[in-house]
Amino acid sequence: MIVMSNDVLIVTWTPNLNSNGEMRVYTVLGKTNLTDAAWMCPTNSGHRFFKVKVELP
């Protein structure tokens, strides 16, 4: 789930992939419209669509 609070994104999910000492890097990307060409990071309160990129460091 992605929630905006005071212009800060709070991301929670199940299951938590940070386990067994393997930490993942989570990056939240946003768009104002789905037809926009690029996903933006950092996101802002004008973005209505989000995706989360998950990587191993």
Protein backbone atom coordinates (compact mmCIF):
# COMPACT_ATOMS: atom_id res chain seq x y z
CA MET A 1 0.00 0.00 0.00
CA ILE A 2 1.26 3.53 -0.79
CA VAL A 3 0.01 6.43 1.34
CA MET A 4 0.95 10.13 1.09
CA SER A 5 1.32 11.93 4.43
CA ASN A 6 2.63 15.53 4.58
CA ASP A 7 4.15 15.13 1.08
CA VAL A 8 6.02 11.99 2.23
CA LEU A 9 5.28 8.57 0.76
CA ILE A 10 4.84 5.71 3.18
CA VAL A 11 5.07 2.28 1.56
CA THR A 12 4.01 -0.95 3.24
CA TRP A 13 3.68 -4.41 1.71
CA THR A 14 3.24 -8.07 2.49
CA PRO A 15 5.38 -10.13 2.52
CA ASN A 16 8.39 -8.17 3.73
CA LEU A 17 11.22 -9.20 1.37
CA ASN A 18 13.97 -8.04 3.76
CA SER A 19 14.70 -11.37 5.38
CA ASN A 20 17.62 -13.67 6.15
CA GLY A 21 19.95 -10.66 6.28
CA GLU A 22 19.28 -9.78 2.62
CA MET A 23 18.25 -6.15 2.47
CA ARG A 24 16.47 -4.85 -0.62
CA VAL A 25 16.48 -1.27 -1.93
CA TYR A 26 12.96 0.04 -2.57
CA THR A 27 12.53 3.04 -4.89
CA VAL A 28 9.11 4.67 -5.34
CA LEU A 29 8.51 6.16 -8.81
CA GLY A 30 5.51 8.30 -9.75
CA LYS A 31 3.57 9.74 -12.68
CA THR A 32 0.84 12.35 -12.87
CA ASN A 33 -0.81 10.57 -15.82
CA LEU A 34 -0.30 7.05 -17.09
CA THR A 35 0.37 8.52 -20.55
CA ASP A 36 3.43 10.44 -19.24
CA ALA A 37 6.61 9.12 -20.86
CA ALA A 38 8.85 8.85 -17.80
CA TRP A 39 8.47 7.66 -14.22
CA MET A 40 9.80 10.34 -11.84
CA CYS A 41 11.85 9.99 -8.67
CA PRO A 42 11.53 11.59 -6.21
CA THR A 43 7.76 11.58 -6.29
CA ASN A 44 5.54 14.47 -5.23
CA SER A 45 1.94 15.16 -4.25
CA GLY A 46 1.00 15.75 -7.91
CA HIS A 47 1.67 12.14 -8.82
CA ARG A 48 -1.39 9.89 -8.92
CA PHE A 49 0.23 6.67 -10.19
CA PHE A 50 3.09 4.87 -8.47
CA LYS A 51 5.29 1.83 -8.87
CA VAL A 52 7.90 0.39 -6.54
CA LYS A 53 11.23 -0.79 -7.93
CA VAL A 54 12.91 -3.49 -5.80
CA GLU A 55 16.63 -4.25 -6.13
CA LEU A 56 19.34 -6.07 -4.27
CA PRO A 57 22.17 -3.65 -3.33
